[in-house]
Amino acid sequence: MKTIGIIALSGACDKEKIENSKAYLEQMGFTVKLSKNIFDRNRYLAGSDEGKLEALYSFFEDPEIDLILNARGGYGAIRLINQINYEVIKNNPKPFVGFSDITALLLMFYKKCGMVTYHGPMASSDFGGVISDFTNENFFKALNNEPMEFIGNKIYYQGEAKGIIWGGNLATVVSLCGQDFIPDEDFIFFAEDLNEPVYKIDKMFQQLFNIDNFKKYCKGIVLGDFLYLDNEQWLDEYFETLPVPAVSGFKITHAQDKITIPIGKSALLRENVLRING
């Protein structure tokens, strides 16, 4: 992997953070390309939907770009999902990385194109600041297809689950309801969020488990951080009622230290241990 393309498909970008992330990645030895729309602004968005789509196709079709790194989340990615020509992505597969609002694209690219995507760090929030060694190490482990093992700290419902690893930011996953986005195969669902009260987390999980295919194929739950929670005890009571093995305490998060998860790779959840590619 030699060239990384940084792309803006969600909220408007901070120029200093993008330039800092570019400099950091270049110091690591990568060539960095910025999308044409990277500093565009349309209210709270990174320019127009048309500009984002043009940048998306350009990066996937560019043979020099080995990996596409999203600039940031926020809001905006879901505006694109019914406009995208998924054949362009399917015919030019390459690692596509992001989290938060970018979850919408991670899941749709896997569903529509069968392409493994990566729930991991982004340019502004991670590489544009002081990225931790933990995040950096786990990022490249995932990209290099290495076996990974993560240990949770709380078992709500004990058992074993097998399937692909699939999920992301909970609110963004739920925003896809009405789309054909759920895999037609067994999966272990991972989720994280921030600034959501417990009743909304309860509601979002209920909404997902009310979908026949989600209930049919979801074999386990892996929980990351739910930052700035209003009542953790109530959340514990909810997860103890889930009908599948459920474990929390994984560094899937908006916080600085985060693991990178390859969506679509085989995984095993046994007791409090999650293995991917193992």
C-alpha atoms as a PDB file:
ATOM      1  CA  MET A   1       0.000   0.000   0.000  1.00  0.00           C
ATOM      2  CA  LYS A   2       1.615   3.212  -1.166  1.00  0.00           C
ATOM      3  CA  THR A   3      -1.073   5.818  -1.837  1.00  0.00           C
ATOM      4  CA  ILE A   4      -3.925   6.885   0.436  1.00  0.00           C
ATOM      5  CA  GLY A   5      -6.807   8.989  -0.826  1.00  0.00           C
ATOM      6  CA  ILE A   6      -8.560  11.191   1.748  1.00  0.00           C
ATOM      7  CA  ILE A   7     -12.162  11.856   0.789  1.00  0.00           C
ATOM      8  CA  ALA A   8     -14.964  14.059   2.181  1.00  0.00           C
ATOM      9  CA  LEU A   9     -18.358  12.323   1.968  1.00  0.00           C
ATOM     10  CA  SER A  10     -20.060  13.604   5.095  1.00  0.00           C
ATOM     11  CA  GLY A  11     -19.668  16.817   7.112  1.00  0.00           C
ATOM     12  CA  ALA A  12     -17.638  19.852   6.139  1.00  0.00           C
ATOM     13  CA  CYS A  13     -13.919  19.485   6.888  1.00  0.00           C
ATOM     14  CA  ASP A  14     -11.507  21.498   8.990  1.00  0.00           C
ATOM     15  CA  LYS A  15      -8.618  22.483   6.705  1.00  0.00           C
ATOM     16  CA  GLU A  16      -5.973  22.388   9.440  1.00  0.00           C
ATOM     17  CA  LYS A  17      -6.929  18.868  10.530  1.00  0.00           C
ATOM     18  CA  ILE A  18      -6.876  17.586   6.945  1.00  0.00           C
ATOM     19  CA  GLU A  19      -3.480  19.144   6.327  1.00  0.00           C
ATOM     20  CA  ASN A  20      -2.181  17.683   9.618  1.00  0.00           C
ATOM     21  CA  SER A  21      -3.407  14.210   8.692  1.00  0.00           C
ATOM     22  CA  LYS A  22      -1.844  14.492   5.238  1.00  0.00           C
ATOM     23  CA  ALA A  23       1.482  15.502   6.762  1.00  0.00           C
ATOM     24  CA  TYR A  24       1.342  12.671   9.308  1.00  0.00           C
ATOM     25  CA  LEU A  25       0.644  10.011   6.670  1.00  0.00           C
ATOM     26  CA  GLU A  26       3.371  11.393   4.415  1.00  0.00           C
ATOM     27  CA  GLN A  27       5.815  11.163   7.320  1.00  0.00           C
ATOM     28  CA  MET A  28       4.870   7.485   7.541  1.00  0.00           C
ATOM     29  CA  GLY A  29       5.953   7.100   3.933  1.00  0.00           C
ATOM     30  CA  PHE A  30       2.617   7.244   2.100  1.00  0.00           C
ATOM     31  CA  THR A  31       1.678   9.379  -0.855  1.00  0.00           C
ATOM     32  CA  VAL A  32      -1.568  11.208  -0.061  1.00  0.00           C
ATOM     33  CA  LYS A  33      -4.186  12.468  -2.483  1.00  0.00           C
ATOM     34  CA  LEU A  34      -7.006  14.759  -1.372  1.00  0.00           C
ATOM     35  CA  SER A  35     -10.402  14.550  -3.035  1.00  0.00           C
ATOM     36  CA  LYS A  36     -11.391  17.468  -5.250  1.00  0.00           C
ATOM     37  CA  ASN A  37     -14.220  18.402  -2.871  1.00  0.00           C
ATOM     38  CA  ILE A  38     -12.214  18.073   0.357  1.00  0.00           C
ATOM     39  CA  PHE A  39     -12.619  21.725   1.394  1.00  0.00           C
ATOM     40  CA  ASP A  40     -16.016  22.349  -0.219  1.00  0.00           C
ATOM     41  CA  ARG A  41     -18.748  23.536   2.106  1.00  0.00           C
ATOM     42  CA  ASN A  42     -22.518  23.573   1.715  1.00  0.00           C
ATOM     43  CA  ARG A  43     -23.977  24.544   5.097  1.00  0.00           C
ATOM     44  CA  TYR A  44     -22.842  21.666   7.366  1.00  0.00           C
ATOM     45  CA  LEU A  45     -21.953  19.370   4.456  1.00  0.00           C
ATOM     46  CA  ALA A  46     -18.716  18.812   2.540  1.00  0.00           C
ATOM     47  CA  GLY A  47     -20.110  20.390  -0.593  1.00  0.00           C
ATOM     48  CA  SER A  48     -22.834  19.049  -2.860  1.00  0.00           C
ATOM     49  CA  ASP A  49     -23.956  15.453  -3.247  1.00  0.00           C
ATOM     50  CA  GLU A  50     -22.867  15.648  -6.880  1.00  0.00           C
ATOM     51  CA  GLY A  51     -19.372  16.728  -5.883  1.00  0.00           C
ATOM     52  CA  LYS A  52     -19.129  13.896  -3.373  1.00  0.00           C
ATOM     53  CA  LEU A  53     -20.213  11.298  -5.922  1.00  0.00           C
ATOM     54  CA  GLU A  54     -17.712  12.620  -8.465  1.00  0.00           C
ATOM     55  CA  ALA A  55     -14.958  12.354  -5.833  1.00  0.00           C
ATOM     56  CA  LEU A  56     -16.078   8.854  -4.827  1.00  0.00           C
ATOM     57  CA  TYR A  57     -16.002   7.475  -8.382  1.00  0.00           C
ATOM     58  CA  SER A  58     -12.725   9.255  -9.122  1.00  0.00           C
ATOM     59  CA  PHE A  59     -11.004   7.661  -6.127  1.00  0.00           C
ATOM     60  CA  PHE A  60     -12.300   4.151  -6.761  1.00  0.00           C
ATOM     61  CA  GLU A  61     -11.341   4.357 -10.446  1.00  0.00           C
ATOM     62  CA  ASP A  62      -7.893   5.833  -9.751  1.00  0.00           C
ATOM     63  CA  PRO A  63      -5.431   2.902 -10.059  1.00  0.00           C
ATOM     64  CA  GLU A  64      -2.827   4.768  -8.031  1.00  0.00           C
ATOM     65  CA  ILE A  65      -4.982   4.957  -4.900  1.00  0.00           C
ATOM     66  CA  ASP A  66      -4.591   1.853  -2.724  1.00  0.00           C
ATOM     67  CA  LEU A  67      -6.844   2.867   0.173  1.00  0.00           C
ATOM     68  CA  ILE A  68      -9.652   5.383   0.640  1.00  0.00           C
ATOM     69  CA  LEU A  69      -9.664   7.083   4.039  1.00  0.00           C
ATOM     70  CA  ASN A  70     -12.696   9.133   4.989  1.00  0.00           C
ATOM     71  CA  ALA A  71     -12.021  12.618   6.260  1.00  0.00           C
ATOM     72  CA  ARG A  72     -14.734  12.694   8.923  1.00  0.00           C
ATOM     73  CA  GLY A  73     -18.271  11.695   9.845  1.00  0.00           C
ATOM     74  CA  GLY A  74     -20.993  13.968  11.137  1.00  0.00           C
ATOM     75  CA  TYR A  75     -23.834  13.784   8.659  1.00  0.00           C
ATOM     76  CA  GLY A  76     -24.214  13.477   4.914  1.00  0.00           C
ATOM     77  CA  ALA A  77     -23.254   9.963   3.824  1.00  0.00           C
ATOM     78  CA  ILE A  78     -26.794   8.597   3.904  1.00  0.00           C
ATOM     79  CA  ARG A  79     -27.827  11.247   1.349  1.00  0.00           C
ATOM     80  CA  LEU A  80     -25.696   9.386  -1.205  1.00  0.00           C
ATOM     81  CA  ILE A  81     -26.765   5.760  -0.843  1.00  0.00           C
ATOM     82  CA  ASN A  82     -29.618   5.826  -3.364  1.00  0.00           C
ATOM     83  CA  GLN A  83     -27.585   7.853  -5.872  1.00  0.00           C
ATOM     84  CA  ILE A  84     -24.440   5.724  -5.976  1.00  0.00           C
ATOM     85  CA  ASN A  85     -23.614   3.590  -9.011  1.00  0.00           C
ATOM     86  CA  TYR A  86     -22.464   0.552  -7.035  1.00  0.00           C
ATOM     87  CA  GLU A  87     -21.022  -1.092 -10.148  1.00  0.00           C
ATOM     88  CA  VAL A  88     -18.171   1.434 -10.062  1.00  0.00           C
ATOM     89  CA  ILE A  89     -17.256   0.317  -6.533  1.00  0.00           C
ATOM     90  CA  LYS A  90     -17.799  -3.371  -7.293  1.00  0.00           C
ATOM     91  CA  ASN A  91     -15.512  -3.226 -10.336  1.00  0.00           C
ATOM     92  CA  ASN A  92     -12.747  -1.357  -8.498  1.00  0.00           C
ATOM     93  CA  PRO A  93     -12.597  -2.813  -4.970  1.00  0.00           C
ATOM     94  CA  LYS A  94     -10.144  -1.336  -2.476  1.00  0.00           C
ATOM     95  CA  PRO A  95     -10.041  -0.739   1.288  1.00  0.00           C
ATOM     96  CA  PHE A  96     -12.537   1.924   2.361  1.00  0.00           C
ATOM     97  CA  VAL A  97     -12.183   3.168   5.941  1.00  0.00           C
ATOM     98  CA  GLY A  98     -14.288   5.245   8.315  1.00  0.00           C
ATOM     99  CA  PHE A  99     -16.765   5.152  11.196  1.00  0.00           C
ATOM    100  CA  SER A 100     -19.701   7.095  12.677  1.00  0.00           C
ATOM    101  CA  ASP A 101     -21.837   8.494   9.820  1.00  0.00           C
ATOM    102  CA  ILE A 102     -19.652   6.624   7.295  1.00  0.00           C
ATOM    103  CA  THR A 103     -21.213   3.401   8.639  1.00  0.00           C
ATOM    104  CA  ALA A 104     -23.965   3.893   6.040  1.00  0.00           C
ATOM    105  CA  LEU A 105     -21.457   3.518   3.206  1.00  0.00           C
ATOM    106  CA  LEU A 106     -19.497   0.716   4.884  1.00  0.00           C
ATOM    107  CA  LEU A 107     -22.627  -1.425   5.139  1.00  0.00           C
ATOM    108  CA  MET A 108     -24.058  -0.564   1.723  1.00  0.00           C
ATOM    109  CA  PHE A 109     -20.742  -1.290  -0.031  1.00  0.00           C
ATOM    110  CA  TYR A 110     -20.600  -4.682   1.656  1.00  0.00           C
ATOM    111  CA  LYS A 111     -24.226  -5.475   0.824  1.00  0.00           C
ATOM    112  CA  LYS A 112     -24.273  -4.191  -2.757  1.00  0.00           C
ATOM    113  CA  CYS A 113     -20.715  -5.005  -3.787  1.00  0.00           C
ATOM    114  CA  GLY A 114     -19.600  -7.854  -1.519  1.00  0.00           C
ATOM    115  CA  MET A 115     -16.587  -5.706  -0.636  1.00  0.00           C
ATOM    116  CA  VAL A 116     -15.008  -5.893   2.824  1.00  0.00           C
ATOM    117  CA  THR A 117     -14.972  -2.416   4.361  1.00  0.00           C
ATOM    118  CA  TYR A 118     -13.199  -1.139   7.461  1.00  0.00           C
ATOM    119  CA  HIS A 119     -14.771   0.448  10.517  1.00  0.00           C
ATOM    120  CA  GLY A 120     -11.741   2.388  11.671  1.00  0.00           C
ATOM    121  CA  PRO A 121      -9.973   5.721  12.134  1.00  0.00           C
ATOM    122  CA  MET A 122     -10.498   8.772   9.955  1.00  0.00           C
ATOM    123  CA  ALA A 123      -8.324  11.628   8.783  1.00  0.00           C
ATOM    124  CA  SER A 124      -9.644  14.544  10.847  1.00  0.00           C
ATOM    125  CA  SER A 125     -10.560  12.839  14.110  1.00  0.00           C
ATOM    126  CA  ASP A 126      -7.580  10.488  14.296  1.00  0.00           C
ATOM    127  CA  PHE A 127      -4.689  11.096  11.900  1.00  0.00           C
ATOM    128  CA  GLY A 128      -5.293  14.836  12.063  1.00  0.00           C
ATOM    129  CA  GLY A 129      -4.632  14.918  15.796  1.00  0.00           C
ATOM    130  CA  VAL A 130      -2.344  12.762  17.887  1.00  0.00           C
ATOM    131  CA  ILE A 131      -3.178   9.219  16.834  1.00  0.00           C
ATOM    132  CA  SER A 132      -2.433   6.639  19.500  1.00  0.00           C
ATOM    133  CA  ASP A 133      -0.064   3.724  18.992  1.00  0.00           C
ATOM    134  CA  PHE A 134      -2.970   1.410  19.862  1.00  0.00           C
ATOM    135  CA  THR A 135      -5.152   2.779  17.058  1.00  0.00           C
ATOM    136  CA  ASN A 136      -2.285   2.821  14.579  1.00  0.00           C
ATOM    137  CA  GLU A 137      -1.252  -0.765  15.331  1.00  0.00           C
ATOM    138  CA  ASN A 138      -4.762  -2.175  15.092  1.00  0.00           C
ATOM    139  CA  PHE A 139      -5.456  -0.232  11.900  1.00  0.00           C
ATOM    140  CA  PHE A 140      -2.595  -1.899  10.033  1.00  0.00           C
ATOM    141  CA  LYS A 141      -3.310  -5.316  11.538  1.00  0.00           C
ATOM    142  CA  ALA A 142      -6.797  -5.215  10.056  1.00  0.00           C
ATOM    143  CA  LEU A 143      -5.582  -3.948   6.684  1.00  0.00           C
ATOM    144  CA  ASN A 144      -2.942  -6.687   6.547  1.00  0.00           C
ATOM    145  CA  ASN A 145      -5.609  -9.323   7.160  1.00  0.00           C
ATOM    146  CA  GLU A 146      -3.891 -10.521  10.340  1.00  0.00           C
ATOM    147  CA  PRO A 147      -5.765 -12.637  12.905  1.00  0.00           C
ATOM    148  CA  MET A 148      -7.086 -10.385  15.679  1.00  0.00           C
ATOM    149  CA  GLU A 149      -8.344 -11.145  19.155  1.00  0.00           C
ATOM    150  CA  PHE A 150     -10.130  -8.725  21.460  1.00  0.00           C
ATOM    151  CA  ILE A 151     -11.331  -9.312  25.013  1.00  0.00           C
ATOM    152  CA  GLY A 152     -14.493  -7.757  26.410  1.00  0.00           C
ATOM    153  CA  ASN A 153     -14.984  -6.985  30.063  1.00  0.00           C
ATOM    154  CA  LYS A 154     -18.644  -7.805  30.661  1.00  0.00           C
ATOM    155  CA  ILE A 155     -20.771 -10.746  29.566  1.00  0.00           C
ATOM    156  CA  TYR A 156     -24.502 -10.043  29.510  1.00  0.00           C
ATOM    157  CA  TYR A 157     -25.553 -13.310  27.932  1.00  0.00           C
ATOM    158  CA  GLN A 158     -22.983 -16.080  27.667  1.00  0.00           C
ATOM    159  CA  GLY A 159     -22.563 -18.361  24.674  1.00  0.00           C
ATOM    160  CA  GLU A 160     -20.849 -18.807  21.337  1.00  0.00           C
ATOM    161  CA  ALA A 161     -21.591 -17.060  18.051  1.00  0.00           C
ATOM    162  CA  LYS A 162     -20.115 -17.475  14.566  1.00  0.00           C
ATOM    163  CA  GLY A 163     -20.561 -15.452  11.411  1.00  0.00           C
ATOM    164  CA  ILE A 164     -19.191 -12.408   9.693  1.00  0.00           C
ATOM    165  CA  ILE A 165     -18.505  -9.326  11.792  1.00  0.00           C
ATOM    166  CA  TRP A 166     -20.955  -6.576  10.805  1.00  0.00           C
ATOM    167  CA  GLY A 167     -22.309  -3.322  12.228  1.00  0.00           C
ATOM    168  CA  GLY A 168     -21.084   0.133  13.197  1.00  0.00           C
ATOM    169  CA  ASN A 169     -22.546   3.302  14.645  1.00  0.00           C
ATOM    170  CA  LEU A 170     -25.946   2.283  16.001  1.00  0.00           C
ATOM    171  CA  ALA A 171     -27.905   5.410  15.046  1.00  0.00           C
ATOM    172  CA  THR A 172     -26.512   5.266  11.513  1.00  0.00           C
ATOM    173  CA  VAL A 173     -27.304   1.553  11.150  1.00  0.00           C
ATOM    174  CA  VAL A 174     -30.901   2.250  12.165  1.00  0.00           C
ATOM    175  CA  SER A 175     -31.090   5.144   9.688  1.00  0.00           C
ATOM    176  CA  LEU A 176     -30.707   2.524   6.929  1.00  0.00           C
ATOM    177  CA  CYS A 177     -33.991   0.832   7.845  1.00  0.00           C
ATOM    178  CA  GLY A 178     -36.116   0.733   4.703  1.00  0.00           C
ATOM    179  CA  GLN A 179     -33.061  -0.107   2.596  1.00  0.00           C
ATOM    180  CA  ASP A 180     -31.856  -3.570   1.610  1.00  0.00           C
ATOM    181  CA  PHE A 181     -28.806  -3.480   3.869  1.00  0.00           C
ATOM    182  CA  ILE A 182     -28.826  -6.531   6.147  1.00  0.00           C
ATOM    183  CA  PRO A 183     -26.554  -9.441   5.111  1.00  0.00           C
ATOM    184  CA  ASP A 184     -28.176 -12.693   4.030  1.00  0.00           C
ATOM    185  CA  GLU A 185     -25.803 -14.668   6.234  1.00  0.00           C
ATOM    186  CA  ASP A 186     -25.066 -15.197   9.907  1.00  0.00           C
ATOM    187  CA  PHE A 187     -23.388 -12.228  11.539  1.00  0.00           C
ATOM    188  CA  ILE A 188     -22.091 -10.938  14.849  1.00  0.00           C
ATOM    189  CA  PHE A 189     -23.420  -7.411  15.256  1.00  0.00           C
ATOM    190  CA  PHE A 190     -21.103  -4.758  16.704  1.00  0.00           C
ATOM    191  CA  ALA A 191     -22.322  -1.342  17.763  1.00  0.00           C
ATOM    192  CA  GLU A 192     -21.203   1.915  19.356  1.00  0.00           C
ATOM    193  CA  ASP A 193     -22.600   5.408  19.759  1.00  0.00           C
ATOM    194  CA  LEU A 194     -22.338   8.645  21.704  1.00  0.00           C
ATOM    195  CA  ASN A 195     -24.682  11.247  23.133  1.00  0.00           C
ATOM    196  CA  GLU A 196     -27.660   8.866  22.978  1.00  0.00           C
ATOM    197  CA  PRO A 197     -29.879   8.355  26.054  1.00  0.00           C
ATOM    198  CA  VAL A 198     -30.612   4.792  27.138  1.00  0.00           C
ATOM    199  CA  TYR A 199     -34.229   4.859  25.959  1.00  0.00           C
ATOM    200  CA  LYS A 200     -33.084   5.648  22.424  1.00  0.00           C
ATOM    201  CA  ILE A 201     -30.522   2.833  22.478  1.00  0.00           C
ATOM    202  CA  ASP A 202     -33.300   0.515  23.666  1.00  0.00           C
ATOM    203  CA  LYS A 203     -35.565   1.775  20.871  1.00  0.00           C
ATOM    204  CA  MET A 204     -32.887   1.345  18.188  1.00  0.00           C
ATOM    205  CA  PHE A 205     -32.107  -2.229  19.176  1.00  0.00           C
ATOM    206  CA  GLN A 206     -35.822  -3.018  19.308  1.00  0.00           C
ATOM    207  CA  GLN A 207     -36.220  -1.569  15.831  1.00  0.00           C
ATOM    208  CA  LEU A 208     -33.472  -3.798  14.470  1.00  0.00           C
ATOM    209  CA  PHE A 209     -34.737  -6.949  16.170  1.00  0.00           C
ATOM    210  CA  ASN A 210     -38.182  -6.223  14.707  1.00  0.00           C
ATOM    211  CA  ILE A 211     -36.677  -6.828  11.252  1.00  0.00           C
ATOM    212  CA  ASP A 212     -37.071 -10.487  10.314  1.00  0.00           C
ATOM    213  CA  ASN A 213     -33.668 -10.843   8.641  1.00  0.00           C
ATOM    214  CA  PHE A 214     -31.854  -9.113  11.478  1.00  0.00           C
ATOM    215  CA  LYS A 215     -33.454 -11.430  14.012  1.00  0.00           C
ATOM    216  CA  LYS A 216     -32.788 -14.452  11.776  1.00  0.00           C
ATOM    217  CA  TYR A 217     -29.104 -13.824  11.049  1.00  0.00           C
ATOM    218  CA  CYS A 218     -27.866 -11.979  14.165  1.00  0.00           C
ATOM    219  CA  LYS A 219     -26.054 -14.616  16.237  1.00  0.00           C
ATOM    220  CA  GLY A 220     -24.250 -12.389  18.728  1.00  0.00           C
ATOM    221  CA  ILE A 221     -23.791  -8.819  19.953  1.00  0.00           C
ATOM    222  CA  VAL A 222     -20.457  -7.060  20.524  1.00  0.00           C
ATOM    223  CA  LEU A 223     -20.727  -3.693  22.237  1.00  0.00           C
ATOM    224  CA  GLY A 224     -18.242  -0.881  22.045  1.00  0.00           C
ATOM    225  CA  ASP A 225     -18.520   2.440  23.866  1.00  0.00           C
ATOM    226  CA  PHE A 226     -21.773   4.278  24.366  1.00  0.00           C
ATOM    227  CA  LEU A 227     -20.173   7.543  25.386  1.00  0.00           C
ATOM    228  CA  TYR A 228     -21.837  10.126  27.650  1.00  0.00           C
ATOM    229  CA  LEU A 229     -24.562   7.697  28.681  1.00  0.00           C
ATOM    230  CA  ASP A 230     -27.284   8.950  31.018  1.00  0.00           C
ATOM    231  CA  ASN A 231     -27.805   5.691  32.945  1.00  0.00           C
ATOM    232  CA  GLU A 232     -25.508   2.703  32.510  1.00  0.00           C
ATOM    233  CA  GLN A 233     -27.480   0.498  34.914  1.00  0.00           C
ATOM    234  CA  TRP A 234     -30.588   0.686  32.739  1.00  0.00           C
ATOM    235  CA  LEU A 235     -28.483  -0.215  29.717  1.00  0.00           C
ATOM    236  CA  ASP A 236     -27.148  -3.280  31.543  1.00  0.00           C
ATOM    237  CA  GLU A 237     -30.696  -4.390  32.309  1.00  0.00           C
ATOM    238  CA  TYR A 238     -31.623  -4.088  28.642  1.00  0.00           C
ATOM    239  CA  PHE A 239     -28.720  -6.116  27.240  1.00  0.00           C
ATOM    240  CA  GLU A 240     -29.332  -8.922  29.738  1.00  0.00           C
ATOM    241  CA  THR A 241     -32.668  -9.511  27.962  1.00  0.00           C
ATOM    242  CA  LEU A 242     -31.204  -9.984  24.465  1.00  0.00           C
ATOM    243  CA  PRO A 243     -31.876 -13.398  22.851  1.00  0.00           C
ATOM    244  CA  VAL A 244     -28.254 -13.911  21.681  1.00  0.00           C
ATOM    245  CA  PRO A 245     -24.782 -13.900  23.312  1.00  0.00           C
ATOM    246  CA  ALA A 246     -23.873 -10.308  24.190  1.00  0.00           C
ATOM    247  CA  VAL A 247     -20.569  -8.908  25.448  1.00  0.00           C
ATOM    248  CA  SER A 248     -19.392  -5.329  26.080  1.00  0.00           C
ATOM    249  CA  GLY A 249     -16.107  -3.564  26.719  1.00  0.00           C
ATOM    250  CA  PHE A 250     -14.537  -3.550  23.268  1.00  0.00           C
ATOM    251  CA  LYS A 251     -12.659  -0.479  22.010  1.00  0.00           C
ATOM    252  CA  ILE A 252     -15.143   0.293  19.249  1.00  0.00           C
ATOM    253  CA  THR A 253     -15.562   3.958  19.891  1.00  0.00           C
ATOM    254  CA  HIS A 254     -15.442   7.635  19.047  1.00  0.00           C
ATOM    255  CA  ALA A 255     -12.652   7.918  21.649  1.00  0.00           C
ATOM    256  CA  GLN A 256      -8.940   8.074  20.826  1.00  0.00           C
ATOM    257  CA  ASP A 257      -8.039   4.387  21.269  1.00  0.00           C
ATOM    258  CA  LYS A 258     -10.028   2.343  18.761  1.00  0.00           C
ATOM    259  CA  ILE A 259      -9.786  -0.985  16.995  1.00  0.00           C
ATOM    260  CA  THR A 260     -10.361  -1.365  13.258  1.00  0.00           C
ATOM    261  CA  ILE A 261     -12.967  -3.948  12.305  1.00  0.00           C
ATOM    262  CA  PRO A 262     -13.066  -5.491   8.805  1.00  0.00           C
ATOM    263  CA  ILE A 263     -16.777  -5.689   8.026  1.00  0.00           C
ATOM    264  CA  GLY A 264     -17.543  -8.968   6.274  1.00  0.00           C
ATOM    265  CA  LYS A 265     -14.659 -11.018   7.667  1.00  0.00           C
ATOM    266  CA  SER A 266     -15.332 -14.244   9.567  1.00  0.00           C
ATOM    267  CA  ALA A 267     -15.541 -13.919  13.334  1.00  0.00           C
ATOM    268  CA  LEU A 268     -16.093 -15.998  16.446  1.00  0.00           C
ATOM    269  CA  LEU A 269     -17.459 -14.774  19.769  1.00  0.00           C
ATOM    270  CA  ARG A 270     -16.837 -17.223  22.594  1.00  0.00           C
ATOM    271  CA  GLU A 271     -17.568 -16.086  26.144  1.00  0.00           C
ATOM    272  CA  ASN A 272     -15.884 -12.648  26.299  1.00  0.00           C
ATOM    273  CA  VAL A 273     -13.382 -13.169  23.456  1.00  0.00           C
ATOM    274  CA  LEU A 274     -13.916 -11.910  19.890  1.00  0.00           C
ATOM    275  CA  ARG A 275     -11.691 -13.429  17.214  1.00  0.00           C
ATOM    276  CA  ILE A 276     -11.570 -12.088  13.651  1.00  0.00           C
ATOM    277  CA  ASN A 277      -9.729 -13.954  10.881  1.00  0.00           C
ATOM    278  CA  GLY A 278      -8.595 -16.370  13.566  1.00  0.00           C
END
